[in-house]
Amino acid sequence: DWLEDYSQAISSGALAVVVLGSLAFVPFTEQYARESAPREVWDTPRF
């Protein structure tokens, strides 16, 4: 019952934890950005 009631909140919360947690390692958007950005910008402060 609790899972049925809160499933969408739990899923959004899980995504928030994964996404914000990725800041401790490699921001999740960076994994995608590297596929379209030249390698020489990957380590720049702006990127």
ModelCIF file with pLDDT and N, C-alpha, C, O atoms, coordinates in Angstrom:
data_MODEL
#
_entry.id   MODEL 
#
_entity.id                         1 
_entity.type                       polymer 
_entity.pdbx_number_of_molecules   1 
#
_entity_poly.entity_id                      1 
_entity_poly.type                           'polypeptide(L)' 
_entity_poly.nstd_linkage                   no 
_entity_poly.nstd_monomer                   no 
_entity_poly.pdbx_seq_one_letter_code       DWLEDYSQAISSGALAVVVLGSLAFVPFTEQYARESAPREVWDTPRF 
_entity_poly.pdbx_seq_one_letter_code_can   DWLEDYSQAISSGALAVVVLGSLAFVPFTEQYARESAPREVWDTPRF 
_entity_poly.pdbx_strand_id                 A 
#
loop_
_entity_poly_seq.entity_id 
_entity_poly_seq.num 
_entity_poly_seq.mon_id 
_entity_poly_seq.hetero 
1 1  ASP n 
1 2  TRP n 
1 3  LEU n 
1 4  GLU n 
1 5  ASP n 
1 6  TYR n 
1 7  SER n 
1 8  GLN n 
1 9  ALA n 
1 10 ILE n 
1 11 SER n 
1 12 SER n 
1 13 GLY n 
1 14 ALA n 
1 15 LEU n 
1 16 ALA n 
1 17 VAL n 
1 18 VAL n 
1 19 VAL n 
1 20 LEU n 
1 21 GLY n 
1 22 SER n 
1 23 LEU n 
1 24 ALA n 
1 25 PHE n 
1 26 VAL n 
1 27 PRO n 
1 28 PHE n 
1 29 THR n 
1 30 GLU n 
1 31 GLN n 
1 32 TYR n 
1 33 ALA n 
1 34 ARG n 
1 35 GLU n 
1 36 SER n 
1 37 ALA n 
1 38 PRO n 
1 39 ARG n 
1 40 GLU n 
1 41 VAL n 
1 42 TRP n 
1 43 ASP n 
1 44 THR n 
1 45 PRO n 
1 46 ARG n 
1 47 PHE n 
#
_struct_asym.id          A 
_struct_asym.entity_id   1 
#
loop_
_ma_qa_metric.id 
_ma_qa_metric.mode 
_ma_qa_metric.name 
_ma_qa_metric.software_group_id 
_ma_qa_metric.type 
1 global pLDDT . pLDDT 
2 local  pLDDT . pLDDT 
#
_ma_qa_metric_global.metric_id      1 
_ma_qa_metric_global.metric_value   92.85 
_ma_qa_metric_global.model_id       1 
_ma_qa_metric_global.ordinal_id     1 
#
loop_
_ma_qa_metric_local.label_asym_id 
_ma_qa_metric_local.label_comp_id 
_ma_qa_metric_local.label_seq_id 
_ma_qa_metric_local.metric_id 
_ma_qa_metric_local.metric_value 
_ma_qa_metric_local.model_id 
_ma_qa_metric_local.ordinal_id 
A ASP 1  2 81.00 1 1  
A TRP 2  2 83.00 1 2  
A LEU 3  2 81.00 1 3  
A GLU 4  2 81.00 1 4  
A ASP 5  2 84.00 1 5  
A TYR 6  2 89.00 1 6  
A SER 7  2 87.00 1 7  
A GLN 8  2 87.00 1 8  
A ALA 9  2 93.00 1 9  
A ILE 10 2 94.00 1 10 
A SER 11 2 93.00 1 11 
A SER 12 2 95.00 1 12 
A GLY 13 2 97.00 1 13 
A ALA 14 2 96.00 1 14 
A LEU 15 2 96.00 1 15 
A ALA 16 2 98.00 1 16 
A VAL 17 2 98.00 1 17 
A VAL 18 2 96.00 1 18 
A VAL 19 2 96.00 1 19 
A LEU 20 2 98.00 1 20 
A GLY 21 2 97.00 1 21 
A SER 22 2 97.00 1 22 
A LEU 23 2 97.00 1 23 
A ALA 24 2 96.00 1 24 
A PHE 25 2 95.00 1 25 
A VAL 26 2 94.00 1 26 
A PRO 27 2 96.00 1 27 
A PHE 28 2 92.00 1 28 
A THR 29 2 93.00 1 29 
A GLU 30 2 94.00 1 30 
A GLN 31 2 91.00 1 31 
A TYR 32 2 90.00 1 32 
A ALA 33 2 92.00 1 33 
A ARG 34 2 91.00 1 34 
A GLU 35 2 87.00 1 35 
A SER 36 2 88.00 1 36 
A ALA 37 2 92.00 1 37 
A PRO 38 2 95.00 1 38 
A ARG 39 2 94.00 1 39 
A GLU 40 2 96.00 1 40 
A VAL 41 2 96.00 1 41 
A TRP 42 2 96.00 1 42 
A ASP 43 2 95.00 1 43 
A THR 44 2 97.00 1 44 
A PRO 45 2 96.00 1 45 
A ARG 46 2 97.00 1 46 
A PHE 47 2 97.00 1 47 
#
loop_
_atom_site.group_PDB 
_atom_site.id 
_atom_site.type_symbol 
_atom_site.label_atom_id 
_atom_site.label_alt_id 
_atom_site.label_comp_id 
_atom_site.label_asym_id 
_atom_site.label_entity_id 
_atom_site.label_seq_id 
_atom_site.pdbx_PDB_ins_code 
_atom_site.Cartn_x 
_atom_site.Cartn_y 
_atom_site.Cartn_z 
_atom_site.occupancy 
_atom_site.B_iso_or_equiv 
_atom_site.pdbx_formal_charge 
_atom_site.auth_seq_id 
_atom_site.auth_comp_id 
_atom_site.auth_asym_id 
_atom_site.auth_atom_id 
_atom_site.pdbx_PDB_model_num 
ATOM 1   N N  . ASP A 1 1  ? 0.820  -1.217 0.000   1.00 81.00 ? 1  ASP A N  1 
ATOM 2   C CA . ASP A 1 1  ? 0.000  0.000  0.000   1.00 81.00 ? 1  ASP A CA 1 
ATOM 3   C C  . ASP A 1 1  ? 0.848  1.259  0.000   1.00 81.00 ? 1  ASP A C  1 
ATOM 4   O O  . ASP A 1 1  ? 0.588  2.181  -0.772  1.00 81.00 ? 1  ASP A O  1 
ATOM 5   N N  . TRP A 1 2  ? 1.856  1.306  0.855   1.00 83.00 ? 2  TRP A N  1 
ATOM 6   C CA . TRP A 1 2  ? 2.716  2.489  0.943   1.00 83.00 ? 2  TRP A CA 1 
ATOM 7   C C  . TRP A 1 2  ? 3.449  2.725  -0.370  1.00 83.00 ? 2  TRP A C  1 
ATOM 8   O O  . TRP A 1 2  ? 3.648  3.869  -0.779  1.00 83.00 ? 2  TRP A O  1 
ATOM 9   N N  . LEU A 1 3  ? 3.856  1.627  -1.039  1.00 81.00 ? 3  LEU A N  1 
ATOM 10  C CA . LEU A 1 3  ? 4.577  1.753  -2.301  1.00 81.00 ? 3  LEU A CA 1 
ATOM 11  C C  . LEU A 1 3  ? 3.656  2.254  -3.405  1.00 81.00 ? 3  LEU A C  1 
ATOM 12  O O  . LEU A 1 3  ? 4.058  3.062  -4.243  1.00 81.00 ? 3  LEU A O  1 
ATOM 13  N N  . GLU A 1 4  ? 2.429  1.773  -3.399  1.00 81.00 ? 4  GLU A N  1 
ATOM 14  C CA . GLU A 1 4  ? 1.458  2.264  -4.377  1.00 81.00 ? 4  GLU A CA 1 
ATOM 15  C C  . GLU A 1 4  ? 1.226  3.760  -4.203  1.00 81.00 ? 4  GLU A C  1 
ATOM 16  O O  . GLU A 1 4  ? 1.183  4.510  -5.178  1.00 81.00 ? 4  GLU A O  1 
ATOM 17  N N  . ASP A 1 5  ? 1.077  4.185  -2.948  1.00 84.00 ? 5  ASP A N  1 
ATOM 18  C CA . ASP A 1 5  ? 0.794  5.593  -2.672  1.00 84.00 ? 5  ASP A CA 1 
ATOM 19  C C  . ASP A 1 5  ? 1.978  6.505  -2.999  1.00 84.00 ? 5  ASP A C  1 
ATOM 20  O O  . ASP A 1 5  ? 1.792  7.613  -3.503  1.00 84.00 ? 5  ASP A O  1 
ATOM 21  N N  . TYR A 1 6  ? 3.164  6.049  -2.718  1.00 89.00 ? 6  TYR A N  1 
ATOM 22  C CA . TYR A 1 6  ? 4.341  6.915  -2.819  1.00 89.00 ? 6  TYR A CA 1 
ATOM 23  C C  . TYR A 1 6  ? 5.289  6.547  -3.963  1.00 89.00 ? 6  TYR A C  1 
ATOM 24  O O  . TYR A 1 6  ? 6.412  7.050  -4.000  1.00 89.00 ? 6  TYR A O  1 
ATOM 25  N N  . SER A 1 7  ? 4.874  5.692  -4.889  1.00 87.00 ? 7  SER A N  1 
ATOM 26  C CA . SER A 1 7  ? 5.792  5.214  -5.927  1.00 87.00 ? 7  SER A CA 1 
ATOM 27  C C  . SER A 1 7  ? 6.377  6.343  -6.774  1.00 87.00 ? 7  SER A C  1 
ATOM 28  O O  . SER A 1 7  ? 7.568  6.330  -7.085  1.00 87.00 ? 7  SER A O  1 
ATOM 29  N N  . GLN A 1 8  ? 5.556  7.307  -7.143  1.00 87.00 ? 8  GLN A N  1 
ATOM 30  C CA . GLN A 1 8  ? 6.090  8.399  -7.960  1.00 87.00 ? 8  GLN A CA 1 
ATOM 31  C C  . GLN A 1 8  ? 7.027  9.298  -7.148  1.00 87.00 ? 8  GLN A C  1 
ATOM 32  O O  . GLN A 1 8  ? 8.049  9.754  -7.661  1.00 87.00 ? 8  GLN A O  1 
ATOM 33  N N  . ALA A 1 9  ? 6.686  9.548  -5.902  1.00 93.00 ? 9  ALA A N  1 
ATOM 34  C CA . ALA A 1 9  ? 7.567  10.354 -5.048  1.00 93.00 ? 9  ALA A CA 1 
ATOM 35  C C  . ALA A 1 9  ? 8.887  9.624  -4.807  1.00 93.00 ? 9  ALA A C  1 
ATOM 36  O O  . ALA A 1 9  ? 9.954  10.238 -4.819  1.00 93.00 ? 9  ALA A O  1 
ATOM 37  N N  . ILE A 1 10 ? 8.809  8.310  -4.588  1.00 94.00 ? 10 ILE A N  1 
ATOM 38  C CA . ILE A 1 10 ? 10.021 7.521  -4.375  1.00 94.00 ? 10 ILE A CA 1 
ATOM 39  C C  . ILE A 1 10 ? 10.894 7.534  -5.617  1.00 94.00 ? 10 ILE A C  1 
ATOM 40  O O  . ILE A 1 10 ? 12.112 7.678  -5.517  1.00 94.00 ? 10 ILE A O  1 
ATOM 41  N N  . SER A 1 11 ? 10.282 7.386  -6.789  1.00 93.00 ? 11 SER A N  1 
ATOM 42  C CA . SER A 1 11 ? 11.075 7.373  -8.023  1.00 93.00 ? 11 SER A CA 1 
ATOM 43  C C  . SER A 1 11 ? 11.734 8.726  -8.268  1.00 93.00 ? 11 SER A C  1 
ATOM 44  O O  . SER A 1 11 ? 12.893 8.783  -8.679  1.00 93.00 ? 11 SER A O  1 
ATOM 45  N N  . SER A 1 12 ? 11.014 9.808  -8.020  1.00 95.00 ? 12 SER A N  1 
ATOM 46  C CA . SER A 1 12 ? 11.618 11.145 -8.181  1.00 95.00 ? 12 SER A CA 1 
ATOM 47  C C  . SER A 1 12 ? 12.721 11.363 -7.156  1.00 95.00 ? 12 SER A C  1 
ATOM 48  O O  . SER A 1 12 ? 13.764 11.938 -7.465  1.00 95.00 ? 12 SER A O  1 
ATOM 49  N N  . GLY A 1 13 ? 12.484 10.901 -5.937  1.00 97.00 ? 13 GLY A N  1 
ATOM 50  C CA . GLY A 1 13 ? 13.504 11.020 -4.897  1.00 97.00 ? 13 GLY A CA 1 
ATOM 51  C C  . GLY A 1 13 ? 14.749 10.213 -5.224  1.00 97.00 ? 13 GLY A C  1 
ATOM 52  O O  . GLY A 1 13 ? 15.869 10.671 -4.995  1.00 97.00 ? 13 GLY A O  1 
ATOM 53  N N  . ALA A 1 14 ? 14.557 9.005  -5.764  1.00 96.00 ? 14 ALA A N  1 
ATOM 54  C CA . ALA A 1 14 ? 15.704 8.179  -6.155  1.00 96.00 ? 14 ALA A CA 1 
ATOM 55  C C  . ALA A 1 14 ? 16.515 8.868  -7.251  1.00 96.00 ? 14 ALA A C  1 
ATOM 56  O O  . ALA A 1 14 ? 17.745 8.871  -7.211  1.00 96.00 ? 14 ALA A O  1 
ATOM 57  N N  . LEU A 1 15 ? 15.823 9.448  -8.222  1.00 96.00 ? 15 LEU A N  1 
ATOM 58  C CA . LEU A 1 15 ? 16.534 10.180 -9.277  1.00 96.00 ? 15 LEU A CA 1 
ATOM 59  C C  . LEU A 1 15 ? 17.299 11.374 -8.696  1.00 96.00 ? 15 LEU A C  1 
ATOM 60  O O  . LEU A 1 15 ? 18.432 11.639 -9.096  1.00 96.00 ? 15 LEU A O  1 
ATOM 61  N N  . ALA A 1 16 ? 16.684 12.087 -7.759  1.00 98.00 ? 16 ALA A N  1 
ATOM 62  C CA . ALA A 1 16 ? 17.362 13.221 -7.126  1.00 98.00 ? 16 ALA A CA 1 
ATOM 63  C C  . ALA A 1 16 ? 18.636 12.766 -6.420  1.00 98.00 ? 16 ALA A C  1 
ATOM 64  O O  . ALA A 1 16 ? 19.673 13.421 -6.519  1.00 98.00 ? 16 ALA A O  1 
ATOM 65  N N  . VAL A 1 17 ? 18.557 11.653 -5.716  1.00 98.00 ? 17 VAL A N  1 
ATOM 66  C CA . VAL A 1 17 ? 19.732 11.124 -5.006  1.00 98.00 ? 17 VAL A CA 1 
ATOM 67  C C  . VAL A 1 17 ? 20.829 10.726 -5.992  1.00 98.00 ? 17 VAL A C  1 
ATOM 68  O O  . VAL A 1 17 ? 21.999 11.047 -5.785  1.00 98.00 ? 17 VAL A O  1 
ATOM 69  N N  . VAL A 1 18 ? 20.453 10.031 -7.059  1.00 96.00 ? 18 VAL A N  1 
ATOM 70  C CA . VAL A 1 18 ? 21.437 9.606  -8.066  1.00 96.00 ? 18 VAL A CA 1 
ATOM 71  C C  . VAL A 1 18 ? 22.083 10.824 -8.721  1.00 96.00 ? 18 VAL A C  1 
ATOM 72  O O  . VAL A 1 18 ? 23.307 10.910 -8.826  1.00 96.00 ? 18 VAL A O  1 
ATOM 73  N N  . VAL A 1 19 ? 21.253 11.756 -9.156  1.00 96.00 ? 19 VAL A N  1 
ATOM 74  C CA . VAL A 1 19 ? 21.769 12.921 -9.883  1.00 96.00 ? 19 VAL A CA 1 
ATOM 75  C C  . VAL A 1 19 ? 22.626 13.793 -8.964  1.00 96.00 ? 19 VAL A C  1 
ATOM 76  O O  . VAL A 1 19 ? 23.751 14.144 -9.321  1.00 96.00 ? 19 VAL A O  1 
ATOM 77  N N  . LEU A 1 20 ? 22.113 14.141 -7.802  1.00 98.00 ? 20 LEU A N  1 
ATOM 78  C CA . LEU A 1 20 ? 22.897 14.986 -6.890  1.00 98.00 ? 20 LEU A CA 1 
ATOM 79  C C  . LEU A 1 20 ? 24.108 14.229 -6.340  1.00 98.00 ? 20 LEU A C  1 
ATOM 80  O O  . LEU A 1 20 ? 25.161 14.823 -6.109  1.00 98.00 ? 20 LEU A O  1 
ATOM 81  N N  . GLY A 1 21 ? 23.959 12.930 -6.133  1.00 97.00 ? 21 GLY A N  1 
ATOM 82  C CA . GLY A 1 21 ? 25.089 12.121 -5.679  1.00 97.00 ? 21 GLY A CA 1 
ATOM 83  C C  . GLY A 1 21 ? 26.213 12.067 -6.700  1.00 97.00 ? 21 GLY A C  1 
ATOM 84  O O  . GLY A 1 21 ? 27.380 11.925 -6.336  1.00 97.00 ? 21 GLY A O  1 
ATOM 85  N N  . SER A 1 22 ? 25.866 12.181 -7.978  1.00 97.00 ? 22 SER A N  1 
ATOM 86  C CA . SER A 1 22 ? 26.893 12.141 -9.021  1.00 97.00 ? 22 SER A CA 1 
ATOM 87  C C  . SER A 1 22 ? 27.845 13.332 -8.925  1.00 97.00 ? 22 SER A C  1 
ATOM 88  O O  . SER A 1 22 ? 28.947 13.292 -9.471  1.00 97.00 ? 22 SER A O  1 
ATOM 89  N N  . LEU A 1 23 ? 27.424 14.386 -8.235  1.00 97.00 ? 23 LEU A N  1 
ATOM 90  C CA . LEU A 1 23 ? 28.301 15.558 -8.066  1.00 97.00 ? 23 LEU A CA 1 
ATOM 91  C C  . LEU A 1 23 ? 29.565 15.210 -7.285  1.00 97.00 ? 23 LEU A C  1 
ATOM 92  O O  . LEU A 1 23 ? 30.582 15.891 -7.418  1.00 97.00 ? 23 LEU A O  1 
ATOM 93  N N  . ALA A 1 24 ? 29.510 14.167 -6.480  1.00 96.00 ? 24 ALA A N  1 
ATOM 94  C CA . ALA A 1 24 ? 30.679 13.748 -5.708  1.00 96.00 ? 24 ALA A CA 1 
ATOM 95  C C  . ALA A 1 24 ? 31.723 13.049 -6.587  1.00 96.00 ? 24 ALA A C  1 
ATOM 96  O O  . ALA A 1 24 ? 32.877 12.893 -6.187  1.00 96.00 ? 24 ALA A O  1 
ATOM 97  N N  . PHE A 1 25 ? 31.307 12.630 -7.790  1.00 95.00 ? 25 PHE A N  1 
ATOM 98  C CA . PHE A 1 25 ? 32.203 11.896 -8.675  1.00 95.00 ? 25 PHE A CA 1 
ATOM 99  C C  . PHE A 1 25 ? 32.291 12.613 -10.012 1.00 95.00 ? 25 PHE A C  1 
ATOM 100 O O  . PHE A 1 25 ? 33.131 13.492 -10.203 1.00 95.00 ? 25 PHE A O  1 
ATOM 101 N N  . VAL A 1 26 ? 31.426 12.236 -10.927 1.00 94.00 ? 26 VAL A N  1 
ATOM 102 C CA . VAL A 1 26 ? 31.323 12.885 -12.236 1.00 94.00 ? 26 VAL A CA 1 
ATOM 103 C C  . VAL A 1 26 ? 29.865 13.277 -12.408 1.00 94.00 ? 26 VAL A C  1 
ATOM 104 O O  . VAL A 1 26 ? 28.993 12.408 -12.411 1.00 94.00 ? 26 VAL A O  1 
ATOM 105 N N  . PRO A 1 27 ? 29.581 14.565 -12.549 1.00 96.00 ? 27 PRO A N  1 
ATOM 106 C CA . PRO A 1 27 ? 28.187 14.975 -12.745 1.00 96.00 ? 27 PRO A CA 1 
ATOM 107 C C  . PRO A 1 27 ? 27.548 14.189 -13.892 1.00 96.00 ? 27 PRO A C  1 
ATOM 108 O O  . PRO A 1 27 ? 28.151 14.004 -14.950 1.00 96.00 ? 27 PRO A O  1 
ATOM 109 N N  . PHE A 1 28 ? 26.323 13.735 -13.659 1.00 92.00 ? 28 PHE A N  1 
ATOM 110 C CA . PHE A 1 28 ? 25.714 12.841 -14.638 1.00 92.00 ? 28 PHE A CA 1 
ATOM 111 C C  . PHE A 1 28 ? 25.629 13.479 -16.017 1.00 92.00 ? 28 PHE A C  1 
ATOM 112 O O  . PHE A 1 28 ? 25.718 12.767 -17.018 1.00 92.00 ? 28 PHE A O  1 
ATOM 113 N N  . THR A 1 29 ? 25.458 14.802 -16.106 1.00 93.00 ? 29 THR A N  1 
ATOM 114 C CA . THR A 1 29 ? 25.374 15.442 -17.420 1.00 93.00 ? 29 THR A CA 1 
ATOM 115 C C  . THR A 1 29 ? 26.712 15.394 -18.156 1.00 93.00 ? 29 THR A C  1 
ATOM 116 O O  . THR A 1 29 ? 26.748 15.396 -19.387 1.00 93.00 ? 29 THR A O  1 
ATOM 117 N N  . GLU A 1 30 ? 27.802 15.353 -17.407 1.00 94.00 ? 30 GLU A N  1 
ATOM 118 C CA . GLU A 1 30 ? 29.124 15.327 -18.030 1.00 94.00 ? 30 GLU A CA 1 
ATOM 119 C C  . GLU A 1 30 ? 29.329 14.046 -18.844 1.00 94.00 ? 30 GLU A C  1 
ATOM 120 O O  . GLU A 1 30 ? 29.999 14.066 -19.876 1.00 94.00 ? 30 GLU A O  1 
ATOM 121 N N  . GLN A 1 31 ? 28.760 12.948 -18.383 1.00 91.00 ? 31 GLN A N  1 
ATOM 122 C CA . GLN A 1 31 ? 28.901 11.695 -19.125 1.00 91.00 ? 31 GLN A CA 1 
ATOM 123 C C  . GLN A 1 31 ? 28.294 11.821 -20.522 1.00 91.00 ? 31 GLN A C  1 
ATOM 124 O O  . GLN A 1 31 ? 28.812 11.253 -21.483 1.00 91.00 ? 31 GLN A O  1 
ATOM 125 N N  . TYR A 1 32 ? 27.209 12.559 -20.626 1.00 90.00 ? 32 TYR A N  1 
ATOM 126 C CA . TYR A 1 32 ? 26.585 12.776 -21.938 1.00 90.00 ? 32 TYR A CA 1 
ATOM 127 C C  . TYR A 1 32 ? 27.325 13.854 -22.722 1.00 90.00 ? 32 TYR A C  1 
ATOM 128 O O  . TYR A 1 32 ? 27.514 13.722 -23.932 1.00 90.00 ? 32 TYR A O  1 
ATOM 129 N N  . ALA A 1 33 ? 27.742 14.909 -22.048 1.00 92.00 ? 33 ALA A N  1 
ATOM 130 C CA . ALA A 1 33 ? 28.419 16.022 -22.718 1.00 92.00 ? 33 ALA A CA 1 
ATOM 131 C C  . ALA A 1 33 ? 29.729 15.581 -23.364 1.00 92.00 ? 33 ALA A C  1 
ATOM 132 O O  . ALA A 1 33 ? 30.113 16.097 -24.414 1.00 92.00 ? 33 ALA A O  1 
ATOM 133 N N  . ARG A 1 34 ? 30.403 14.640 -22.745 1.00 91.00 ? 34 ARG A N  1 
ATOM 134 C CA . ARG A 1 34 ? 31.677 14.160 -23.303 1.00 91.00 ? 34 ARG A CA 1 
ATOM 135 C C  . ARG A 1 34 ? 31.494 13.502 -24.667 1.00 91.00 ? 34 ARG A C  1 
ATOM 136 O O  . ARG A 1 34 ? 32.431 13.452 -25.464 1.00 91.00 ? 34 ARG A O  1 
ATOM 137 N N  . GLU A 1 35 ? 30.302 13.001 -24.935 1.00 87.00 ? 35 GLU A N  1 
ATOM 138 C CA . GLU A 1 35 ? 30.075 12.347 -26.217 1.00 87.00 ? 35 GLU A CA 1 
ATOM 139 C C  . GLU A 1 35 ? 29.966 13.332 -27.372 1.00 87.00 ? 35 GLU A C  1 
ATOM 140 O O  . GLU A 1 35 ? 30.112 12.950 -28.534 1.00 87.00 ? 35 GLU A O  1 
ATOM 141 N N  . SER A 1 36 ? 29.711 14.601 -27.055 1.00 88.00 ? 36 SER A N  1 
ATOM 142 C CA . SER A 1 36 ? 29.591 15.578 -28.139 1.00 88.00 ? 36 SER A CA 1 
ATOM 143 C C  . SER A 1 36 ? 30.619 16.702 -28.043 1.00 88.00 ? 36 SER A C  1 
ATOM 144 O O  . SER A 1 36 ? 30.726 17.517 -28.960 1.00 88.00 ? 36 SER A O  1 
ATOM 145 N N  . ALA A 1 37 ? 31.369 16.758 -26.960 1.00 92.00 ? 37 ALA A N  1 
ATOM 146 C CA . ALA A 1 37 ? 32.376 17.806 -26.796 1.00 92.00 ? 37 ALA A CA 1 
ATOM 147 C C  . ALA A 1 37 ? 33.760 17.255 -27.144 1.00 92.00 ? 37 ALA A C  1 
ATOM 148 O O  . ALA A 1 37 ? 34.041 16.078 -26.914 1.00 92.00 ? 37 ALA A O  1 
ATOM 149 N N  . PRO A 1 38 ? 34.608 18.098 -27.690 1.00 95.00 ? 38 PRO A N  1 
ATOM 150 C CA . PRO A 1 38 ? 35.974 17.639 -27.986 1.00 95.00 ? 38 PRO A CA 1 
ATOM 151 C C  . PRO A 1 38 ? 36.703 17.264 -26.687 1.00 95.00 ? 38 PRO A C  1 
ATOM 152 O O  . PRO A 1 38 ? 36.495 17.887 -25.645 1.00 95.00 ? 38 PRO A O  1 
ATOM 153 N N  . ARG A 1 39 ? 37.542 16.257 -26.767 1.00 94.00 ? 39 ARG A N  1 
ATOM 154 C CA . ARG A 1 39 ? 38.265 15.752 -25.605 1.00 94.00 ? 39 ARG A CA 1 
ATOM 155 C C  . ARG A 1 39 ? 39.080 16.848 -24.909 1.00 94.00 ? 39 ARG A C  1 
ATOM 156 O O  . ARG A 1 39 ? 39.237 16.825 -23.689 1.00 94.00 ? 39 ARG A O  1 
ATOM 157 N N  . GLU A 1 40 ? 39.590 17.793 -25.674 1.00 96.00 ? 40 GLU A N  1 
ATOM 158 C CA . GLU A 1 40 ? 40.451 18.827 -25.077 1.00 96.00 ? 40 GLU A CA 1 
ATOM 159 C C  . GLU A 1 40 ? 39.708 19.770 -24.118 1.00 96.00 ? 40 GLU A C  1 
ATOM 160 O O  . GLU A 1 40 ? 40.352 20.482 -23.349 1.00 96.00 ? 40 GLU A O  1 
ATOM 161 N N  . VAL A 1 41 ? 38.377 19.789 -24.146 1.00 96.00 ? 41 VAL A N  1 
ATOM 162 C CA . VAL A 1 41 ? 37.631 20.649 -23.214 1.00 96.00 ? 41 VAL A CA 1 
ATOM 163 C C  . VAL A 1 41 ? 37.162 19.909 -21.970 1.00 96.00 ? 41 VAL A C  1 
ATOM 164 O O  . VAL A 1 41 ? 36.689 20.543 -21.027 1.00 96.00 ? 41 VAL A O  1 
ATOM 165 N N  . TRP A 1 42 ? 37.277 18.593 -21.942 1.00 96.00 ? 42 TRP A N  1 
ATOM 166 C CA . TRP A 1 42 ? 36.734 17.809 -20.837 1.00 96.00 ? 42 TRP A CA 1 
ATOM 167 C C  . TRP A 1 42 ? 37.274 18.208 -19.466 1.00 96.00 ? 42 TRP A C  1 
ATOM 168 O O  . TRP A 1 42 ? 36.549 18.143 -18.474 1.00 96.00 ? 42 TRP A O  1 
ATOM 169 N N  . ASP A 1 43 ? 38.516 18.611 -19.404 1.00 95.00 ? 43 ASP A N  1 
ATOM 170 C CA . ASP A 1 43 ? 39.126 18.946 -18.110 1.00 95.00 ? 43 ASP A CA 1 
ATOM 171 C C  . ASP A 1 43 ? 39.192 20.444 -17.834 1.00 95.00 ? 43 ASP A C  1 
ATOM 172 O O  . ASP A 1 43 ? 39.830 20.875 -16.874 1.00 95.00 ? 43 ASP A O  1 
ATOM 173 N N  . THR A 1 44 ? 38.537 21.233 -18.671 1.00 97.00 ? 44 THR A N  1 
ATOM 174 C CA . THR A 1 44 ? 38.566 22.681 -18.450 1.00 97.00 ? 44 THR A CA 1 
ATOM 175 C C  . THR A 1 44 ? 37.598 23.059 -17.323 1.00 97.00 ? 44 THR A C  1 
ATOM 176 O O  . THR A 1 44 ? 36.571 22.409 -17.132 1.00 97.00 ? 44 THR A O  1 
ATOM 177 N N  . PRO A 1 45 ? 37.937 24.108 -16.588 1.00 96.00 ? 45 PRO A N  1 
ATOM 178 C CA . PRO A 1 45 ? 37.046 24.545 -15.506 1.00 96.00 ? 45 PRO A CA 1 
ATOM 179 C C  . PRO A 1 45 ? 35.646 24.911 -16.003 1.00 96.00 ? 45 PRO A C  1 
ATOM 180 O O  . PRO A 1 45 ? 34.661 24.648 -15.314 1.00 96.00 ? 45 PRO A O  1 
ATOM 181 N N  . ARG A 1 46 ? 35.548 25.502 -17.166 1.00 97.00 ? 46 ARG A N  1 
ATOM 182 C CA . ARG A 1 46 ? 34.236 25.897 -17.712 1.00 97.00 ? 46 ARG A CA 1 
ATOM 183 C C  . ARG A 1 46 ? 33.353 24.677 -17.988 1.00 97.00 ? 46 ARG A C  1 
ATOM 184 O O  . ARG A 1 46 ? 32.174 24.667 -17.634 1.00 97.00 ? 46 ARG A O  1 
ATOM 185 N N  . PHE A 1 47 ? 33.921 23.666 -18.612 1.00 97.00 ? 47 PHE A N  1 
ATOM 186 C CA . PHE A 1 47 ? 33.184 22.436 -18.917 1.00 97.00 ? 47 PHE A CA 1 
ATOM 187 C C  . PHE A 1 47 ? 32.696 21.791 -17.619 1.00 97.00 ? 47 PHE A C  1 
ATOM 188 O O  . PHE A 1 47 ? 32.052 20.743 -17.655 1.00 97.00 ? 47 PHE A O  1 
#
